[in-house]
Amino acid sequence: IREAAAHMPISRIYRQFPGFGYLILDSLARGNLFFRSDENV
């Protein structure tokens, strides 16, 4: 889910801002949302 959120076109405009990783991507992990298909397969 972290990589998906980072590559979704809607996130493109926010990627340039400082804190994008922490505020957006890391918040998924803080919410216990990982959906690690890459590890599962």
ModelCIF file with pLDDT and N, C-alpha, C, O atoms, coordinates in Angstrom:
data_MODEL
#
_entry.id   MODEL 
#
_entity.id                         1 
_entity.type                       polymer 
_entity.pdbx_number_of_molecules   1 
#
_entity_poly.entity_id                      1 
_entity_poly.type                           'polypeptide(L)' 
_entity_poly.nstd_linkage                   no 
_entity_poly.nstd_monomer                   no 
_entity_poly.pdbx_seq_one_letter_code       IREAAAHMPISRIYRQFPGFGYLILDSLARGNLFFRSDENV 
_entity_poly.pdbx_seq_one_letter_code_can   IREAAAHMPISRIYRQFPGFGYLILDSLARGNLFFRSDENV 
_entity_poly.pdbx_strand_id                 A 
#
loop_
_entity_poly_seq.entity_id 
_entity_poly_seq.num 
_entity_poly_seq.mon_id 
_entity_poly_seq.hetero 
1 1  ILE n 
1 2  ARG n 
1 3  GLU n 
1 4  ALA n 
1 5  ALA n 
1 6  ALA n 
1 7  HIS n 
1 8  MET n 
1 9  PRO n 
1 10 ILE n 
1 11 SER n 
1 12 ARG n 
1 13 ILE n 
1 14 TYR n 
1 15 ARG n 
1 16 GLN n 
1 17 PHE n 
1 18 PRO n 
1 19 GLY n 
1 20 PHE n 
1 21 GLY n 
1 22 TYR n 
1 23 LEU n 
1 24 ILE n 
1 25 LEU n 
1 26 ASP n 
1 27 SER n 
1 28 LEU n 
1 29 ALA n 
1 30 ARG n 
1 31 GLY n 
1 32 ASN n 
1 33 LEU n 
1 34 PHE n 
1 35 PHE n 
1 36 ARG n 
1 37 SER n 
1 38 ASP n 
1 39 GLU n 
1 40 ASN n 
1 41 VAL n 
#
_struct_asym.id          A 
_struct_asym.entity_id   1 
#
loop_
_ma_qa_metric.id 
_ma_qa_metric.mode 
_ma_qa_metric.name 
_ma_qa_metric.software_group_id 
_ma_qa_metric.type 
1 global pLDDT . pLDDT 
2 local  pLDDT . pLDDT 
#
_ma_qa_metric_global.metric_id      1 
_ma_qa_metric_global.metric_value   85.78 
_ma_qa_metric_global.model_id       1 
_ma_qa_metric_global.ordinal_id     1 
#
loop_
_ma_qa_metric_local.label_asym_id 
_ma_qa_metric_local.label_comp_id 
_ma_qa_metric_local.label_seq_id 
_ma_qa_metric_local.metric_id 
_ma_qa_metric_local.metric_value 
_ma_qa_metric_local.model_id 
_ma_qa_metric_local.ordinal_id 
A ILE 1  2 93.00 1 1  
A ARG 2  2 91.00 1 2  
A GLU 3  2 93.00 1 3  
A ALA 4  2 94.00 1 4  
A ALA 5  2 91.00 1 5  
A ALA 6  2 91.00 1 6  
A HIS 7  2 89.00 1 7  
A MET 8  2 85.00 1 8  
A PRO 9  2 82.00 1 9  
A ILE 10 2 81.00 1 10 
A SER 11 2 83.00 1 11 
A ARG 12 2 80.00 1 12 
A ILE 13 2 81.00 1 13 
A TYR 14 2 81.00 1 14 
A ARG 15 2 81.00 1 15 
A GLN 16 2 82.00 1 16 
A PHE 17 2 80.00 1 17 
A PRO 18 2 86.00 1 18 
A GLY 19 2 83.00 1 19 
A PHE 20 2 80.00 1 20 
A GLY 21 2 78.00 1 21 
A TYR 22 2 77.00 1 22 
A LEU 23 2 76.00 1 23 
A ILE 24 2 77.00 1 24 
A LEU 25 2 74.00 1 25 
A ASP 26 2 79.00 1 26 
A SER 27 2 81.00 1 27 
A LEU 28 2 81.00 1 28 
A ALA 29 2 80.00 1 29 
A ARG 30 2 82.00 1 30 
A GLY 31 2 83.00 1 31 
A ASN 32 2 84.00 1 32 
A LEU 33 2 83.00 1 33 
A PHE 34 2 92.00 1 34 
A PHE 35 2 96.00 1 35 
A ARG 36 2 97.00 1 36 
A SER 37 2 98.00 1 37 
A ASP 38 2 98.00 1 38 
A GLU 39 2 98.00 1 39 
A ASN 40 2 98.00 1 40 
A VAL 41 2 98.00 1 41 
#
loop_
_atom_site.group_PDB 
_atom_site.id 
_atom_site.type_symbol 
_atom_site.label_atom_id 
_atom_site.label_alt_id 
_atom_site.label_comp_id 
_atom_site.label_asym_id 
_atom_site.label_entity_id 
_atom_site.label_seq_id 
_atom_site.pdbx_PDB_ins_code 
_atom_site.Cartn_x 
_atom_site.Cartn_y 
_atom_site.Cartn_z 
_atom_site.occupancy 
_atom_site.B_iso_or_equiv 
_atom_site.pdbx_formal_charge 
_atom_site.auth_seq_id 
_atom_site.auth_comp_id 
_atom_site.auth_asym_id 
_atom_site.auth_atom_id 
_atom_site.pdbx_PDB_model_num 
ATOM 1   N N  . ILE A 1 1  ? 0.815  -1.218  0.000   1.00 93.00 ? 1  ILE A N  1 
ATOM 2   C CA . ILE A 1 1  ? 0.000  0.000   0.000   1.00 93.00 ? 1  ILE A CA 1 
ATOM 3   C C  . ILE A 1 1  ? 0.849  1.268   0.000   1.00 93.00 ? 1  ILE A C  1 
ATOM 4   O O  . ILE A 1 1  ? 0.444  2.284   -0.566  1.00 93.00 ? 1  ILE A O  1 
ATOM 5   N N  . ARG A 1 2  ? 2.009  1.218   0.624   1.00 91.00 ? 2  ARG A N  1 
ATOM 6   C CA . ARG A 1 2  ? 2.881  2.403   0.656   1.00 91.00 ? 2  ARG A CA 1 
ATOM 7   C C  . ARG A 1 2  ? 3.357  2.744   -0.754  1.00 91.00 ? 2  ARG A C  1 
ATOM 8   O O  . ARG A 1 2  ? 3.297  3.897   -1.183  1.00 91.00 ? 2  ARG A O  1 
ATOM 9   N N  . GLU A 1 3  ? 3.824  1.733   -1.457  1.00 93.00 ? 3  GLU A N  1 
ATOM 10  C CA . GLU A 1 3  ? 4.303  1.968   -2.822  1.00 93.00 ? 3  GLU A CA 1 
ATOM 11  C C  . GLU A 1 3  ? 3.151  2.367   -3.739  1.00 93.00 ? 3  GLU A C  1 
ATOM 12  O O  . GLU A 1 3  ? 3.326  3.204   -4.624  1.00 93.00 ? 3  GLU A O  1 
ATOM 13  N N  . ALA A 1 4  ? 1.982  1.778   -3.537  1.00 94.00 ? 4  ALA A N  1 
ATOM 14  C CA . ALA A 1 4  ? 0.821  2.145   -4.349  1.00 94.00 ? 4  ALA A CA 1 
ATOM 15  C C  . ALA A 1 4  ? 0.471  3.616   -4.148  1.00 94.00 ? 4  ALA A C  1 
ATOM 16  O O  . ALA A 1 4  ? 0.249  4.344   -5.116  1.00 94.00 ? 4  ALA A O  1 
ATOM 17  N N  . ALA A 1 5  ? 0.421  4.050   -2.892  1.00 91.00 ? 5  ALA A N  1 
ATOM 18  C CA . ALA A 1 5  ? 0.090  5.448   -2.603  1.00 91.00 ? 5  ALA A CA 1 
ATOM 19  C C  . ALA A 1 5  ? 1.128  6.400   -3.192  1.00 91.00 ? 5  ALA A C  1 
ATOM 20  O O  . ALA A 1 5  ? 0.788  7.489   -3.654  1.00 91.00 ? 5  ALA A O  1 
ATOM 21  N N  . ALA A 1 6  ? 2.370  5.991   -3.174  1.00 91.00 ? 6  ALA A N  1 
ATOM 22  C CA . ALA A 1 6  ? 3.444  6.833   -3.708  1.00 91.00 ? 6  ALA A CA 1 
ATOM 23  C C  . ALA A 1 6  ? 3.375  6.968   -5.233  1.00 91.00 ? 6  ALA A C  1 
ATOM 24  O O  . ALA A 1 6  ? 3.864  7.949   -5.793  1.00 91.00 ? 6  ALA A O  1 
ATOM 25  N N  . HIS A 1 7  ? 2.769  5.987   -5.900  1.00 89.00 ? 7  HIS A N  1 
ATOM 26  C CA . HIS A 1 7  ? 2.751  5.995   -7.364  1.00 89.00 ? 7  HIS A CA 1 
ATOM 27  C C  . HIS A 1 7  ? 1.380  6.296   -7.970  1.00 89.00 ? 7  HIS A C  1 
ATOM 28  O O  . HIS A 1 7  ? 1.236  6.330   -9.192  1.00 89.00 ? 7  HIS A O  1 
ATOM 29  N N  . MET A 1 8  ? 0.392  6.510   -7.136  1.00 85.00 ? 8  MET A N  1 
ATOM 30  C CA . MET A 1 8  ? -0.920 6.849   -7.679  1.00 85.00 ? 8  MET A CA 1 
ATOM 31  C C  . MET A 1 8  ? -0.844 8.236   -8.315  1.00 85.00 ? 8  MET A C  1 
ATOM 32  O O  . MET A 1 8  ? -0.279 9.155   -7.721  1.00 85.00 ? 8  MET A O  1 
ATOM 33  N N  . PRO A 1 9  ? -1.399 8.397   -9.497  1.00 82.00 ? 9  PRO A N  1 
ATOM 34  C CA . PRO A 1 9  ? -1.323 9.698   -10.172 1.00 82.00 ? 9  PRO A CA 1 
ATOM 35  C C  . PRO A 1 9  ? -1.848 10.856  -9.324  1.00 82.00 ? 9  PRO A C  1 
ATOM 36  O O  . PRO A 1 9  ? -1.334 11.971  -9.423  1.00 82.00 ? 9  PRO A O  1 
ATOM 37  N N  . ILE A 1 10 ? -2.848 10.615  -8.506  1.00 81.00 ? 10 ILE A N  1 
ATOM 38  C CA . ILE A 1 10 ? -3.414 11.691  -7.693  1.00 81.00 ? 10 ILE A CA 1 
ATOM 39  C C  . ILE A 1 10 ? -2.403 12.239  -6.682  1.00 81.00 ? 10 ILE A C  1 
ATOM 40  O O  . ILE A 1 10 ? -2.507 13.387  -6.250  1.00 81.00 ? 10 ILE A O  1 
ATOM 41  N N  . SER A 1 11 ? -1.434 11.416  -6.313  1.00 83.00 ? 11 SER A N  1 
ATOM 42  C CA . SER A 1 11 ? -0.434 11.867  -5.336  1.00 83.00 ? 11 SER A CA 1 
ATOM 43  C C  . SER A 1 11 ? 0.705  12.648  -5.990  1.00 83.00 ? 11 SER A C  1 
ATOM 44  O O  . SER A 1 11 ? 1.550  13.215  -5.296  1.00 83.00 ? 11 SER A O  1 
ATOM 45  N N  . ARG A 1 12 ? 0.727  12.679  -7.306  1.00 80.00 ? 12 ARG A N  1 
ATOM 46  C CA . ARG A 1 12 ? 1.828  13.328  -8.033  1.00 80.00 ? 12 ARG A CA 1 
ATOM 47  C C  . ARG A 1 12 ? 2.053  14.772  -7.583  1.00 80.00 ? 12 ARG A C  1 
ATOM 48  O O  . ARG A 1 12 ? 3.197  15.182  -7.385  1.00 80.00 ? 12 ARG A O  1 
ATOM 49  N N  . ILE A 1 13 ? 0.990  15.540  -7.419  1.00 81.00 ? 13 ILE A N  1 
ATOM 50  C CA . ILE A 1 13 ? 1.156  16.951  -7.060  1.00 81.00 ? 13 ILE A CA 1 
ATOM 51  C C  . ILE A 1 13 ? 1.677  17.119  -5.634  1.00 81.00 ? 13 ILE A C  1 
ATOM 52  O O  . ILE A 1 13 ? 2.296  18.135  -5.319  1.00 81.00 ? 13 ILE A O  1 
ATOM 53  N N  . TYR A 1 14 ? 1.434  16.138  -4.773  1.00 81.00 ? 14 TYR A N  1 
ATOM 54  C CA . TYR A 1 14 ? 1.865  16.245  -3.381  1.00 81.00 ? 14 TYR A CA 1 
ATOM 55  C C  . TYR A 1 14 ? 3.271  15.716  -3.145  1.00 81.00 ? 14 TYR A C  1 
ATOM 56  O O  . TYR A 1 14 ? 3.894  16.058  -2.140  1.00 81.00 ? 14 TYR A O  1 
ATOM 57  N N  . ARG A 1 15 ? 3.781  14.895  -4.045  1.00 81.00 ? 15 ARG A N  1 
ATOM 58  C CA . ARG A 1 15 ? 5.097  14.277  -3.869  1.00 81.00 ? 15 ARG A CA 1 
ATOM 59  C C  . ARG A 1 15 ? 6.220  15.292  -3.737  1.00 81.00 ? 15 ARG A C  1 
ATOM 60  O O  . ARG A 1 15 ? 7.230  15.027  -3.085  1.00 81.00 ? 15 ARG A O  1 
ATOM 61  N N  . GLN A 1 16 ? 6.047  16.443  -4.351  1.00 82.00 ? 16 GLN A N  1 
ATOM 62  C CA . GLN A 1 16 ? 7.097  17.457  -4.345  1.00 82.00 ? 16 GLN A CA 1 
ATOM 63  C C  . GLN A 1 16 ? 7.222  18.183  -3.007  1.00 82.00 ? 16 GLN A C  1 
ATOM 64  O O  . GLN A 1 16 ? 8.246  18.813  -2.741  1.00 82.00 ? 16 GLN A O  1 
ATOM 65  N N  . PHE A 1 17 ? 6.199  18.102  -2.168  1.00 80.00 ? 17 PHE A N  1 
ATOM 66  C CA . PHE A 1 17 ? 6.207  18.838  -0.908  1.00 80.00 ? 17 PHE A CA 1 
ATOM 67  C C  . PHE A 1 17 ? 6.974  18.094  0.178   1.00 80.00 ? 17 PHE A C  1 
ATOM 68  O O  . PHE A 1 17 ? 6.891  16.871  0.290   1.00 80.00 ? 17 PHE A O  1 
ATOM 69  N N  . PRO A 1 18 ? 7.724  18.857  0.978   1.00 86.00 ? 18 PRO A N  1 
ATOM 70  C CA . PRO A 1 18 ? 8.419  18.225  2.102   1.00 86.00 ? 18 PRO A CA 1 
ATOM 71  C C  . PRO A 1 18 ? 7.391  17.586  3.038   1.00 86.00 ? 18 PRO A C  1 
ATOM 72  O O  . PRO A 1 18 ? 6.309  18.128  3.262   1.00 86.00 ? 18 PRO A O  1 
ATOM 73  N N  . GLY A 1 19 ? 7.745  16.461  3.559   1.00 83.00 ? 19 GLY A N  1 
ATOM 74  C CA . GLY A 1 19 ? 6.857  15.784  4.495   1.00 83.00 ? 19 GLY A CA 1 
ATOM 75  C C  . GLY A 1 19 ? 5.868  14.839  3.852   1.00 83.00 ? 19 GLY A C  1 
ATOM 76  O O  . GLY A 1 19 ? 5.092  14.196  4.559   1.00 83.00 ? 19 GLY A O  1 
ATOM 77  N N  . PHE A 1 20 ? 5.869  14.732  2.514   1.00 80.00 ? 20 PHE A N  1 
ATOM 78  C CA . PHE A 1 20 ? 4.922  13.838  1.842   1.00 80.00 ? 20 PHE A CA 1 
ATOM 79  C C  . PHE A 1 20 ? 5.055  12.412  2.374   1.00 80.00 ? 20 PHE A C  1 
ATOM 80  O O  . PHE A 1 20 ? 4.060  11.760  2.690   1.00 80.00 ? 20 PHE A O  1 
ATOM 81  N N  . GLY A 1 21 ? 6.295  11.940  2.469   1.00 78.00 ? 21 GLY A N  1 
ATOM 82  C CA . GLY A 1 21 ? 6.513  10.583  2.964   1.00 78.00 ? 21 GLY A CA 1 
ATOM 83  C C  . GLY A 1 21 ? 5.992  10.398  4.366   1.00 78.00 ? 21 GLY A C  1 
ATOM 84  O O  . GLY A 1 21 ? 5.298  9.422   4.652   1.00 78.00 ? 21 GLY A O  1 
ATOM 85  N N  . TYR A 1 22 ? 6.318  11.320  5.238   1.00 77.00 ? 22 TYR A N  1 
ATOM 86  C CA . TYR A 1 22 ? 5.895  11.195  6.631   1.00 77.00 ? 22 TYR A CA 1 
ATOM 87  C C  . TYR A 1 22 ? 4.392  11.398  6.799   1.00 77.00 ? 22 TYR A C  1 
ATOM 88  O O  . TYR A 1 22 ? 3.715  10.586  7.428   1.00 77.00 ? 22 TYR A O  1 
ATOM 89  N N  . LEU A 1 23 ? 3.876  12.484  6.233   1.00 76.00 ? 23 LEU A N  1 
ATOM 90  C CA . LEU A 1 23 ? 2.473  12.823  6.454   1.00 76.00 ? 23 LEU A CA 1 
ATOM 91  C C  . LEU A 1 23 ? 1.506  11.882  5.740   1.00 76.00 ? 23 LEU A C  1 
ATOM 92  O O  . LEU A 1 23 ? 0.455  11.539  6.281   1.00 76.00 ? 23 LEU A O  1 
ATOM 93  N N  . ILE A 1 24 ? 1.853  11.475  4.555   1.00 77.00 ? 24 ILE A N  1 
ATOM 94  C CA . ILE A 1 24 ? 0.932  10.650  3.772   1.00 77.00 ? 24 ILE A CA 1 
ATOM 95  C C  . ILE A 1 24 ? 1.309  9.168   3.841   1.00 77.00 ? 24 ILE A C  1 
ATOM 96  O O  . ILE A 1 24 ? 0.524  8.344   4.308   1.00 77.00 ? 24 ILE A O  1 
ATOM 97  N N  . LEU A 1 25 ? 2.500  8.841   3.380   1.00 74.00 ? 25 LEU A N  1 
ATOM 98  C CA . LEU A 1 25 ? 2.871  7.434   3.268   1.00 74.00 ? 25 LEU A CA 1 
ATOM 99  C C  . LEU A 1 25 ? 3.051  6.765   4.630   1.00 74.00 ? 25 LEU A C  1 
ATOM 100 O O  . LEU A 1 25 ? 2.564  5.655   4.844   1.00 74.00 ? 25 LEU A O  1 
ATOM 101 N N  . ASP A 1 26 ? 3.735  7.423   5.534   1.00 79.00 ? 26 ASP A N  1 
ATOM 102 C CA . ASP A 1 26 ? 3.958  6.817   6.848   1.00 79.00 ? 26 ASP A CA 1 
ATOM 103 C C  . ASP A 1 26 ? 2.680  6.742   7.672   1.00 79.00 ? 26 ASP A C  1 
ATOM 104 O O  . ASP A 1 26 ? 2.573  5.907   8.571   1.00 79.00 ? 26 ASP A O  1 
ATOM 105 N N  . SER A 1 27 ? 1.713  7.603   7.377   1.00 81.00 ? 27 SER A N  1 
ATOM 106 C CA . SER A 1 27 ? 0.457  7.560   8.123   1.00 81.00 ? 27 SER A CA 1 
ATOM 107 C C  . SER A 1 27 ? -0.287 6.241   7.879   1.00 81.00 ? 27 SER A C  1 
ATOM 108 O O  . SER A 1 27 ? -1.037 5.780   8.740   1.00 81.00 ? 27 SER A O  1 
ATOM 109 N N  . LEU A 1 28 ? -0.081 5.647   6.726   1.00 81.00 ? 28 LEU A N  1 
ATOM 110 C CA . LEU A 1 28 ? -0.695 4.345   6.452   1.00 81.00 ? 28 LEU A CA 1 
ATOM 111 C C  . LEU A 1 28 ? -0.149 3.292   7.419   1.00 81.00 ? 28 LEU A C  1 
ATOM 112 O O  . LEU A 1 28 ? -0.907 2.492   7.967   1.00 81.00 ? 28 LEU A O  1 
ATOM 113 N N  . ALA A 1 29 ? 1.150  3.298   7.619   1.00 80.00 ? 29 ALA A N  1 
ATOM 114 C CA . ALA A 1 29 ? 1.765  2.342   8.550   1.00 80.00 ? 29 ALA A CA 1 
ATOM 115 C C  . ALA A 1 29 ? 1.323  2.627   9.981   1.00 80.00 ? 29 ALA A C  1 
ATOM 116 O O  . ALA A 1 29 ? 1.089  1.700   10.757  1.00 80.00 ? 29 ALA A O  1 
ATOM 117 N N  . ARG A 1 30 ? 1.208  3.899   10.328  1.00 82.00 ? 30 ARG A N  1 
ATOM 118 C CA . ARG A 1 30 ? 0.746  4.228   11.687  1.00 82.00 ? 30 ARG A CA 1 
ATOM 119 C C  . ARG A 1 30 ? -0.683 3.743   11.900  1.00 82.00 ? 30 ARG A C  1 
ATOM 120 O O  . ARG A 1 30 ? -1.095 3.486   13.032  1.00 82.00 ? 30 ARG A O  1 
ATOM 121 N N  . GLY A 1 31 ? -1.426 3.620   10.826  1.00 83.00 ? 31 GLY A N  1 
ATOM 122 C CA . GLY A 1 31 ? -2.788 3.092   10.903  1.00 83.00 ? 31 GLY A CA 1 
ATOM 123 C C  . GLY A 1 31 ? -2.836 1.581   10.705  1.00 83.00 ? 31 GLY A C  1 
ATOM 124 O O  . GLY A 1 31 ? -3.912 1.015   10.512  1.00 83.00 ? 31 GLY A O  1 
ATOM 125 N N  . ASN A 1 32 ? -1.683 0.928   10.751  1.00 84.00 ? 32 ASN A N  1 
ATOM 126 C CA . ASN A 1 32 ? -1.570 -0.523  10.545  1.00 84.00 ? 32 ASN A CA 1 
ATOM 127 C C  . ASN A 1 32 ? -2.126 -0.974  9.202   1.00 84.00 ? 32 ASN A C  1 
ATOM 128 O O  . ASN A 1 32 ? -2.763 -2.023  9.102   1.00 84.00 ? 32 ASN A O  1 
ATOM 129 N N  . LEU A 1 33 ? -1.882 -0.179  8.182   1.00 83.00 ? 33 LEU A N  1 
ATOM 130 C CA . LEU A 1 33 ? -2.266 -0.540  6.819   1.00 83.00 ? 33 LEU A CA 1 
ATOM 131 C C  . LEU A 1 33 ? -0.998 -0.775  6.015   1.00 83.00 ? 33 LEU A C  1 
ATOM 132 O O  . LEU A 1 33 ? -0.237 0.155   5.745   1.00 83.00 ? 33 LEU A O  1 
ATOM 133 N N  . PHE A 1 34 ? -0.781 -2.021  5.638   1.00 92.00 ? 34 PHE A N  1 
ATOM 134 C CA . PHE A 1 34 ? 0.427  -2.384  4.899   1.00 92.00 ? 34 PHE A CA 1 
ATOM 135 C C  . PHE A 1 34 ? 0.096  -3.095  3.585   1.00 92.00 ? 34 PHE A C  1 
ATOM 136 O O  . PHE A 1 34 ? 0.694  -2.799  2.551   1.00 92.00 ? 34 PHE A O  1 
ATOM 137 N N  . PHE A 1 35 ? -0.842 -4.020  3.625   1.00 96.00 ? 35 PHE A N  1 
ATOM 138 C CA . PHE A 1 35 ? -1.229 -4.790  2.441   1.00 96.00 ? 35 PHE A CA 1 
ATOM 139 C C  . PHE A 1 35 ? -0.006 -5.177  1.626   1.00 96.00 ? 35 PHE A C  1 
ATOM 140 O O  . PHE A 1 35 ? 0.163  -4.717  0.497   1.00 96.00 ? 35 PHE A O  1 
ATOM 141 N N  . ARG A 1 36 ? 0.835  -6.010  2.188   1.00 97.00 ? 36 ARG A N  1 
ATOM 142 C CA . ARG A 1 36 ? 2.124  -6.385  1.597   1.00 97.00 ? 36 ARG A CA 1 
ATOM 143 C C  . ARG A 1 36 ? 1.992  -7.577  0.644   1.00 97.00 ? 36 ARG A C  1 
ATOM 144 O O  . ARG A 1 36 ? 2.456  -8.678  0.940   1.00 97.00 ? 36 ARG A O  1 
ATOM 145 N N  . SER A 1 37 ? 1.375  -7.347  -0.463  1.00 98.00 ? 37 SER A N  1 
ATOM 146 C CA . SER A 1 37 ? 1.254  -8.427  -1.453  1.00 98.00 ? 37 SER A CA 1 
ATOM 147 C C  . SER A 1 37 ? 2.623  -8.908  -1.905  1.00 98.00 ? 37 SER A C  1 
ATOM 148 O O  . SER A 1 37 ? 2.804  -10.094 -2.181  1.00 98.00 ? 37 SER A O  1 
ATOM 149 N N  . ASP A 1 38 ? 3.595  -7.990  -1.985  1.00 98.00 ? 38 ASP A N  1 
ATOM 150 C CA . ASP A 1 38 ? 4.937  -8.382  -2.410  1.00 98.00 ? 38 ASP A CA 1 
ATOM 151 C C  . ASP A 1 38 ? 5.565  -9.373  -1.437  1.00 98.00 ? 38 ASP A C  1 
ATOM 152 O O  . ASP A 1 38 ? 6.314  -10.254 -1.860  1.00 98.00 ? 38 ASP A O  1 
ATOM 153 N N  . GLU A 1 39 ? 5.281  -9.250  -0.158  1.00 98.00 ? 39 GLU A N  1 
ATOM 154 C CA . GLU A 1 39 ? 5.788  -10.213 0.820   1.00 98.00 ? 39 GLU A CA 1 
ATOM 155 C C  . GLU A 1 39 ? 4.937  -11.482 0.821   1.00 98.00 ? 39 GLU A C  1 
ATOM 156 O O  . GLU A 1 39 ? 5.464  -12.583 0.979   1.00 98.00 ? 39 GLU A O  1 
ATOM 157 N N  . ASN A 1 40 ? 3.641  -11.333 0.649   1.00 98.00 ? 40 ASN A N  1 
ATOM 158 C CA . ASN A 1 40 ? 2.736  -12.481 0.668   1.00 98.00 ? 40 ASN A CA 1 
ATOM 159 C C  . ASN A 1 40 ? 3.007  -13.456 -0.474  1.00 98.00 ? 40 ASN A C  1 
ATOM 160 O O  . ASN A 1 40 ? 3.020  -14.669 -0.267  1.00 98.00 ? 40 ASN A O  1 
ATOM 161 N N  . VAL A 1 41 ? 3.223  -12.927 -1.686  1.00 98.00 ? 41 VAL A N  1 
ATOM 162 C CA . VAL A 1 41 ? 3.412  -13.827 -2.829  1.00 98.00 ? 41 VAL A CA 1 
ATOM 163 C C  . VAL A 1 41 ? 4.704  -14.620 -2.729  1.00 98.00 ? 41 VAL A C  1 
ATOM 164 O O  . VAL A 1 41 ? 5.006  -15.421 -3.614  1.00 98.00 ? 41 VAL A O  1 
#
